[in-house]
Amino acid sequence: MLLEGIFPAVTTPFYPDGRLYLRKLEHNIDRYSHTPAAGIVILGSTGEAVMLSDEESREVLHVARTAAFPDKVLIAGVARESALETIRLAEWAAKESYDAILVRTPGYYVPQARSEQMLTYFRTVADSSALPVILYNIPKFTHYDLPIEVIAELAFHPNVIGLKDSSGSVVRISAIVEATSSAPLRSVAVTQIFEAVTSRMLAETSPSSGASTFVSAGELGSGATALAVAPPRPAVKTRTRQVKFQVLAGSASHLVRSLEAGASGAVLAMGACAPQACIEAYTAWKENDPALAEEKQQRLVAASRRVAGELGIAGVKFACDLNGYYGGKPRLPLLPLTGPERDEVAELMADLRN
């Protein structure tokens, strides 16, 4: 699976009483699907994944998949504290035709964590998963920084295709890119214009995916209703491309610097509330326009640091409300923003409207 471009790390909408607001999730996913984002990450940290039950996680993954366009790479956050429960949720994601799973480091028993434990955990998940695995390092919440030597060793596993690093360190991203450079190249399917080919895209263009449009004369004569059924889409023309172990940045504040350091793209909380601004910075870098890339990067810095970095879920959700996505309130014990904080976010987001 090709992991290039911007991947919004989307929020999970709730009613004021904390129940899942699935209709708003459908609305948000449809809107993200209309953007030039490369894909969408469901149930990452921004999605309050740790707040959801297993049943709720399955509901969210199902609804998001049905609402997403087939050309968007869908990544499911499936991490649990045990390998067994992570594998179970990974199986659901595979059943729902996701394209990859995002697996963060377990955090509860961090004081007892050793490198061999993390190696065994991720290898066990990768061995059992029908979907490719993206490692997820987020020391801010897990209080554990996945060692670079562990990442380098896991990069040789045939089902571990990349890493999202949310340490916020460009130096670390550069070091990871260097440490994994000797991992085997992988052949991935891409379109004729070198964009990712998703499992849903292939399924929708398969001859077996479309129902027959032929209605017999006997059926028409019997008074049966003839339903118009759209024929299957033309088959996607694909080619293969060789890719290295793919590193995704997790900070919009350092997006362009991370790309320059070798990151292939980014999974961003700011992508949930300001996807267009993040995509513009990536596109300017991709088109080798450093002056424009720097200008677009600077637009993101203050809002990213305050809204996503400091105010967190509540800040991102309120910023979503400002930009046409449903944010709403986070789940307790997280609280919504205060009035002064909302005013501050509105000012920071004034130049980042879609």
Protein backbone atom coordinates (compact mmCIF):
# COMPACT_ATOMS: atom_id res chain seq x y z
CA MET A 1 0.00 0.00 0.00
CA LEU A 2 1.34 3.40 -1.02
CA LEU A 3 1.43 5.91 1.86
CA GLU A 4 2.05 9.31 0.30
CA GLY A 5 0.32 12.61 0.94
CA ILE A 6 -1.87 13.91 3.73
CA PHE A 7 -4.05 11.65 5.86
CA PRO A 8 -6.50 13.48 8.17
CA ALA A 9 -6.67 11.83 11.58
CA VAL A 10 -10.41 12.29 11.98
CA THR A 11 -12.46 12.83 15.12
CA THR A 12 -15.27 10.62 16.39
CA PRO A 13 -18.54 12.60 16.75
CA PHE A 14 -20.67 12.19 19.86
CA TYR A 15 -24.08 13.38 20.95
CA PRO A 16 -24.00 15.72 23.98
CA ASP A 17 -24.71 12.73 26.22
CA GLY A 18 -21.67 10.86 24.86
CA ARG A 19 -23.37 8.41 22.48
CA LEU A 20 -21.88 7.88 19.03
CA TYR A 21 -23.28 10.34 16.48
CA LEU A 22 -22.86 8.15 13.42
CA ARG A 23 -24.78 10.37 11.00
CA LYS A 24 -22.27 13.15 11.65
CA LEU A 25 -19.45 10.68 11.12
CA GLU A 26 -20.93 9.88 7.70
CA HIS A 27 -21.13 13.60 6.94
CA ASN A 28 -17.51 14.20 7.92
CA ILE A 29 -16.11 11.23 6.01
CA ASP A 30 -18.01 12.26 2.89
CA ARG A 31 -16.53 15.76 3.12
CA TYR A 32 -12.99 14.44 3.62
CA SER A 33 -13.53 12.19 0.63
CA HIS A 34 -14.19 15.27 -1.51
CA THR A 35 -10.79 16.77 -0.60
CA PRO A 36 -7.47 15.87 -2.29
CA ALA A 37 -6.39 14.00 0.87
CA ALA A 38 -4.63 10.73 0.08
CA GLY A 39 -6.57 8.84 2.71
CA ILE A 40 -8.30 8.93 6.06
CA VAL A 41 -7.25 7.55 9.45
CA ILE A 42 -10.12 6.29 11.61
CA LEU A 43 -9.75 5.74 15.36
CA GLY A 44 -6.35 7.25 15.88
CA SER A 45 -5.56 9.39 18.91
CA THR A 46 -7.63 12.27 17.52
CA GLY A 47 -10.51 9.83 17.14
CA GLU A 48 -10.60 9.20 20.91
CA ALA A 49 -10.08 5.51 20.17
CA VAL A 50 -9.24 4.70 23.80
CA MET A 51 -12.65 6.06 24.84
CA LEU A 52 -14.62 3.56 22.74
CA SER A 53 -15.75 0.05 23.53
CA ASP A 54 -14.90 -2.76 21.11
CA GLU A 55 -18.49 -2.75 19.83
CA GLU A 56 -18.40 1.02 19.26
CA SER A 57 -15.06 0.72 17.48
CA ARG A 58 -16.56 -1.78 15.09
CA GLU A 59 -19.54 0.48 14.46
CA VAL A 60 -17.31 3.46 13.72
CA LEU A 61 -15.09 1.46 11.37
CA HIS A 62 -18.11 0.13 9.49
CA VAL A 63 -19.84 3.49 9.08
CA ALA A 64 -16.65 5.28 8.05
CA ARG A 65 -15.88 2.65 5.43
CA THR A 66 -19.34 2.83 3.89
CA ALA A 67 -19.13 6.63 3.66
CA ALA A 68 -15.60 6.88 2.24
CA PHE A 69 -14.86 7.17 -1.47
CA PRO A 70 -13.14 4.08 -2.90
CA ASP A 71 -10.06 6.05 -3.99
CA LYS A 72 -9.17 7.09 -0.44
CA VAL A 73 -6.72 4.93 1.48
CA LEU A 74 -8.52 3.87 4.67
CA ILE A 75 -6.40 3.21 7.75
CA ALA A 76 -7.97 1.71 10.87
CA GLY A 77 -6.62 2.33 14.34
CA VAL A 78 -6.93 -1.07 16.01
CA ALA A 79 -4.49 -0.97 18.91
CA ARG A 80 -5.42 -2.56 22.21
CA GLU A 81 -3.20 -3.29 25.17
CA SER A 82 -2.90 -6.97 24.30
CA ALA A 83 -1.83 -8.53 21.02
CA LEU A 84 -4.88 -10.82 21.07
CA GLU A 85 -7.43 -7.99 21.21
CA THR A 86 -5.48 -5.95 18.65
CA ILE A 87 -5.59 -8.91 16.27
CA ARG A 88 -9.33 -9.32 16.80
CA LEU A 89 -10.02 -5.71 15.84
CA ALA A 90 -7.59 -6.02 12.93
CA GLU A 91 -9.67 -8.94 11.67
CA TRP A 92 -12.76 -6.71 11.72
CA ALA A 93 -10.92 -4.00 9.79
CA ALA A 94 -9.95 -6.59 7.18
CA LYS A 95 -13.55 -7.78 6.95
CA GLU A 96 -14.58 -4.16 6.35
CA SER A 97 -12.04 -3.86 3.50
CA TYR A 98 -9.71 -1.35 5.11
CA ASP A 99 -6.35 -0.91 3.43
CA ALA A 100 -4.02 -0.94 6.44
CA ILE A 101 -4.06 -0.92 10.24
CA LEU A 102 -2.41 1.58 12.56
CA VAL A 103 -1.01 -0.05 15.71
CA ARG A 104 0.31 2.15 18.50
CA THR A 105 2.68 0.95 21.19
CA PRO A 106 0.88 -0.46 24.25
CA GLY A 107 1.23 1.99 27.11
CA TYR A 108 -0.16 0.70 30.37
CA TYR A 109 2.77 -1.53 31.33
CA VAL A 110 5.43 0.84 30.00
CA PRO A 111 7.51 0.69 33.23
CA GLN A 112 8.06 -3.00 32.44
CA ALA A 113 8.49 -2.54 28.67
CA ARG A 114 11.62 -3.88 27.00
CA SER A 115 12.61 -3.90 23.36
CA GLU A 116 12.05 -7.64 23.00
CA GLN A 117 8.48 -7.23 24.29
CA MET A 118 7.67 -4.60 21.67
CA LEU A 119 9.33 -6.63 18.93
CA THR A 120 7.28 -9.68 19.89
CA TYR A 121 4.05 -7.69 20.16
CA PHE A 122 4.33 -6.07 16.73
CA ARG A 123 5.60 -9.24 15.06
CA THR A 124 2.69 -11.22 16.48
CA VAL A 125 0.17 -8.67 15.19
CA ALA A 126 1.87 -8.44 11.80
CA ASP A 127 2.07 -12.24 11.46
CA SER A 128 -1.67 -12.57 12.14
CA SER A 129 -3.03 -9.53 10.29
CA ALA A 130 -4.51 -9.84 6.82
CA LEU A 131 -3.83 -6.12 6.40
CA PRO A 132 -0.45 -4.37 6.27
CA VAL A 133 0.68 -2.85 9.56
CA ILE A 134 1.71 0.75 10.21
CA LEU A 135 3.56 1.19 13.50
CA TYR A 136 2.43 4.13 15.62
CA ASN A 137 4.81 5.92 17.97
CA ILE A 138 3.17 8.59 20.13
CA PRO A 139 5.25 9.05 23.30
CA LYS A 140 3.16 12.03 24.42
CA PHE A 141 0.37 9.61 25.39
CA THR A 142 2.06 6.22 25.80
CA HIS A 143 5.12 7.61 27.63
CA TYR A 144 7.25 5.30 25.54
CA ASP A 145 9.42 6.20 22.56
CA LEU A 146 9.67 3.19 20.28
CA PRO A 147 13.43 2.68 19.89
CA ILE A 148 14.78 3.34 16.42
CA GLU A 149 16.64 0.02 16.43
CA VAL A 150 13.32 -1.77 17.07
CA ILE A 151 11.70 0.11 14.17
CA ALA A 152 14.64 -0.79 11.94
CA GLU A 153 14.27 -4.48 12.78
CA LEU A 154 10.49 -4.44 12.27
CA ALA A 155 10.98 -2.76 8.88
CA PHE A 156 12.23 -6.12 7.60
CA HIS A 157 8.93 -7.83 8.45
CA PRO A 158 7.04 -8.39 5.17
CA ASN A 159 3.75 -7.12 6.64
CA VAL A 160 5.09 -3.98 8.37
CA ILE A 161 5.01 -1.27 5.72
CA GLY A 162 5.57 1.94 7.63
CA LEU A 163 5.47 4.07 10.75
CA LYS A 164 3.61 7.11 11.96
CA ASP A 165 5.93 9.04 14.26
CA SER A 166 4.28 11.63 16.49
CA SER A 167 7.35 12.49 18.53
CA GLY A 168 7.44 15.92 16.87
CA SER A 169 11.16 15.53 16.15
CA VAL A 170 12.40 16.06 12.61
CA VAL A 171 15.81 14.76 13.69
CA ARG A 172 14.19 11.51 14.80
CA ILE A 173 12.30 11.16 11.52
CA SER A 174 15.54 11.62 9.61
CA ALA A 175 17.20 8.99 11.81
CA ILE A 176 14.34 6.53 11.22
CA VAL A 177 14.52 7.02 7.46
CA GLU A 178 18.25 6.35 7.58
CA ALA A 179 17.93 3.34 9.90
CA THR A 180 15.30 1.68 7.71
CA SER A 181 16.98 2.44 4.38
CA SER A 182 18.41 -1.08 4.12
CA ALA A 183 15.00 -2.74 4.47
CA PRO A 184 13.84 -4.53 1.30
CA LEU A 185 11.98 -2.52 -1.32
CA ARG A 186 8.31 -3.44 -1.69
CA SER A 187 6.21 -3.57 -4.85
CA VAL A 188 2.90 -1.73 -4.45
CA ALA A 189 0.03 -1.26 -6.86
CA VAL A 190 -0.54 2.29 -8.08
CA THR A 191 -2.72 3.94 -10.68
CA GLN A 192 -1.41 5.20 -14.00
CA ILE A 193 -0.66 8.53 -12.30
CA PHE A 194 1.12 6.82 -9.40
CA GLU A 195 -1.60 7.24 -6.78
CA ALA A 196 -2.52 4.50 -4.32
CA VAL A 197 -4.78 1.67 -5.43
CA THR A 198 -7.20 0.68 -2.66
CA SER A 199 -8.97 -2.62 -2.11
CA ARG A 200 -12.35 -0.91 -2.42
CA MET A 201 -11.35 0.71 -5.70
CA LEU A 202 -10.50 -2.68 -7.15
CA ALA A 203 -13.68 -4.25 -5.75
CA GLU A 204 -15.92 -1.58 -7.28
CA THR A 205 -14.39 -2.05 -10.72
CA SER A 206 -14.44 -5.84 -10.62
CA PRO A 207 -16.82 -7.44 -13.13
CA SER A 208 -18.33 -9.49 -10.29
CA SER A 209 -19.21 -6.33 -8.33
CA GLY A 210 -21.87 -5.13 -10.73
CA ALA A 211 -25.28 -6.73 -11.05
CA SER A 212 -26.58 -7.62 -14.51
CA THR A 213 -28.66 -4.96 -16.24
CA PHE A 214 -30.43 -7.55 -18.47
CA VAL A 215 -34.16 -8.04 -17.79
CA SER A 216 -35.88 -10.90 -19.63
CA ALA A 217 -39.05 -10.38 -21.65
CA GLY A 218 -40.81 -12.88 -19.39
CA GLU A 219 -40.01 -10.84 -16.31
CA LEU A 220 -41.27 -7.65 -17.97
CA GLY A 221 -44.46 -9.39 -19.12
CA SER A 222 -45.20 -10.66 -15.62
CA GLY A 223 -45.45 -7.12 -14.33
CA ALA A 224 -42.20 -7.26 -12.38
CA THR A 225 -40.52 -3.94 -11.77
CA ALA A 226 -37.31 -3.41 -13.71
CA LEU A 227 -34.69 -1.69 -11.59
CA ALA A 228 -31.98 0.32 -13.26
CA VAL A 229 -28.62 -0.96 -12.03
CA ALA A 230 -25.45 0.92 -12.82
CA PRO A 231 -22.90 -1.18 -14.67
CA PRO A 232 -19.54 -1.72 -12.98
CA ARG A 233 -16.97 0.99 -13.39
CA PRO A 234 -14.21 0.47 -15.94
CA ALA A 235 -11.36 -1.59 -14.54
CA VAL A 236 -8.63 0.44 -12.88
CA LYS A 237 -5.41 0.35 -14.87
CA THR A 238 -2.58 -0.31 -12.46
CA ARG A 239 1.15 -0.50 -12.50
CA THR A 240 3.66 -1.37 -9.79
CA ARG A 241 6.03 0.86 -7.97
CA GLN A 242 8.92 0.10 -5.65
CA VAL A 243 8.77 1.83 -2.27
CA LYS A 244 10.94 1.88 0.81
CA PHE A 245 9.73 1.57 4.38
CA GLN A 246 7.36 4.54 4.57
CA VAL A 247 7.56 7.07 7.40
CA LEU A 248 4.60 9.34 8.11
CA ALA A 249 5.01 12.50 10.18
CA GLY A 250 2.53 13.32 12.92
CA SER A 251 3.07 17.06 13.37
CA ALA A 252 1.69 19.79 11.12
CA SER A 253 4.08 22.26 12.74
CA HIS A 254 7.02 20.42 11.16
CA LEU A 255 5.31 19.04 8.07
CA VAL A 256 7.60 20.44 5.37
CA ARG A 257 10.77 19.78 7.40
CA SER A 258 9.65 16.19 7.94
CA LEU A 259 9.06 15.73 4.21
CA GLU A 260 12.51 17.14 3.50
CA ALA A 261 13.91 14.63 6.02
CA GLY A 262 12.45 11.74 4.06
CA ALA A 263 8.87 11.32 5.31
CA SER A 264 6.49 10.14 2.57
CA GLY A 265 3.49 11.97 4.01
CA ALA A 266 1.74 12.79 7.26
CA VAL A 267 -1.15 11.73 9.48
CA LEU A 268 -2.33 14.97 11.05
CA ALA A 269 -4.82 16.06 13.68
CA MET A 270 -4.81 19.43 11.90
CA GLY A 271 -5.88 17.51 8.83
CA ALA A 272 -9.18 16.87 10.59
CA CYS A 273 -10.03 20.56 10.94
CA ALA A 274 -7.94 22.18 8.18
CA PRO A 275 -7.26 19.51 5.55
CA GLN A 276 -6.93 21.96 2.67
CA ALA A 277 -4.20 23.99 4.40
CA CYS A 278 -2.21 20.82 5.15
CA ILE A 279 -2.64 19.53 1.60
CA GLU A 280 -1.48 22.87 0.16
CA ALA A 281 1.76 22.69 2.15
CA TYR A 282 2.38 19.10 1.02
CA THR A 283 1.56 19.92 -2.62
CA ALA A 284 3.90 22.91 -2.68
CA TRP A 285 6.72 20.70 -1.36
CA LYS A 286 5.84 17.92 -3.81
CA GLU A 287 5.97 20.36 -6.72
CA ASN A 288 9.41 21.53 -5.60
CA ASP A 289 8.37 25.09 -4.76
CA PRO A 290 10.30 25.73 -1.51
CA ALA A 291 9.21 29.35 -1.13
CA LEU A 292 5.52 28.47 -1.42
CA ALA A 293 5.96 25.39 0.78
CA GLU A 294 7.51 27.55 3.50
CA GLU A 295 4.71 30.10 3.21
CA LYS A 296 2.07 27.35 3.52
CA GLN A 297 3.98 25.78 6.41
CA GLN A 298 4.08 29.01 8.38
CA ARG A 299 0.30 29.36 8.09
CA LEU A 300 -0.02 26.11 10.03
CA VAL A 301 2.49 26.55 12.83
CA ALA A 302 0.66 28.66 15.42
CA ALA A 303 -2.68 26.88 15.02
CA SER A 304 -1.08 23.45 15.05
CA ARG A 305 0.87 24.08 18.23
CA ARG A 306 -2.02 25.60 20.14
CA VAL A 307 -5.12 23.88 18.74
CA ALA A 308 -3.84 20.34 18.21
CA GLY A 309 -0.76 20.31 20.43
CA GLU A 310 -2.02 22.06 23.57
CA LEU A 311 -5.82 22.14 23.49
CA GLY A 312 -5.95 18.66 22.00
CA ILE A 313 -9.17 16.85 21.13
CA ALA A 314 -11.45 19.64 22.35
CA GLY A 315 -9.49 22.19 20.33
CA VAL A 316 -9.54 20.12 17.15
CA LYS A 317 -13.25 19.39 17.50
CA PHE A 318 -14.14 23.06 17.92
CA ALA A 319 -11.92 23.93 14.95
CA CYS A 320 -13.82 21.30 12.96
CA ASP A 321 -17.07 23.09 13.80
CA LEU A 322 -15.58 26.31 12.44
CA ASN A 323 -14.62 24.67 9.15
CA GLY A 324 -17.76 22.81 8.14
CA TYR A 325 -17.02 19.48 9.81
CA TYR A 326 -18.98 18.30 12.82
CA GLY A 327 -16.80 18.43 15.91
CA GLY A 328 -19.01 18.61 18.95
CA LYS A 329 -17.81 17.71 22.41
CA PRO A 330 -15.24 15.15 23.46
CA ARG A 331 -16.11 12.33 25.83
CA LEU A 332 -15.61 12.75 29.53
CA PRO A 333 -13.25 13.11 31.27
CA LEU A 334 -12.22 15.48 28.44
CA LEU A 335 -14.10 18.77 28.56
CA PRO A 336 -15.08 21.20 25.77
CA LEU A 337 -13.25 24.50 25.40
CA THR A 338 -14.06 27.48 27.56
CA GLY A 339 -15.41 30.68 25.99
CA PRO A 340 -12.00 32.42 25.93
CA GLU A 341 -10.41 29.30 24.43
CA ARG A 342 -13.06 29.18 21.68
CA ASP A 343 -12.34 32.82 20.85
CA GLU A 344 -8.63 32.04 20.67
CA VAL A 345 -9.15 29.07 18.35
CA ALA A 346 -11.47 31.10 16.11
CA GLU A 347 -8.72 33.70 15.72
CA LEU A 348 -6.02 31.09 15.03
CA MET A 349 -8.20 29.37 12.43
CA ALA A 350 -9.25 32.57 10.64
CA ASP A 351 -6.64 32.06 7.91
CA LEU A 352 -7.15 28.29 7.67
CA ARG A 353 -10.76 28.14 6.51
CA ASN A 354 -11.61 25.63 3.78
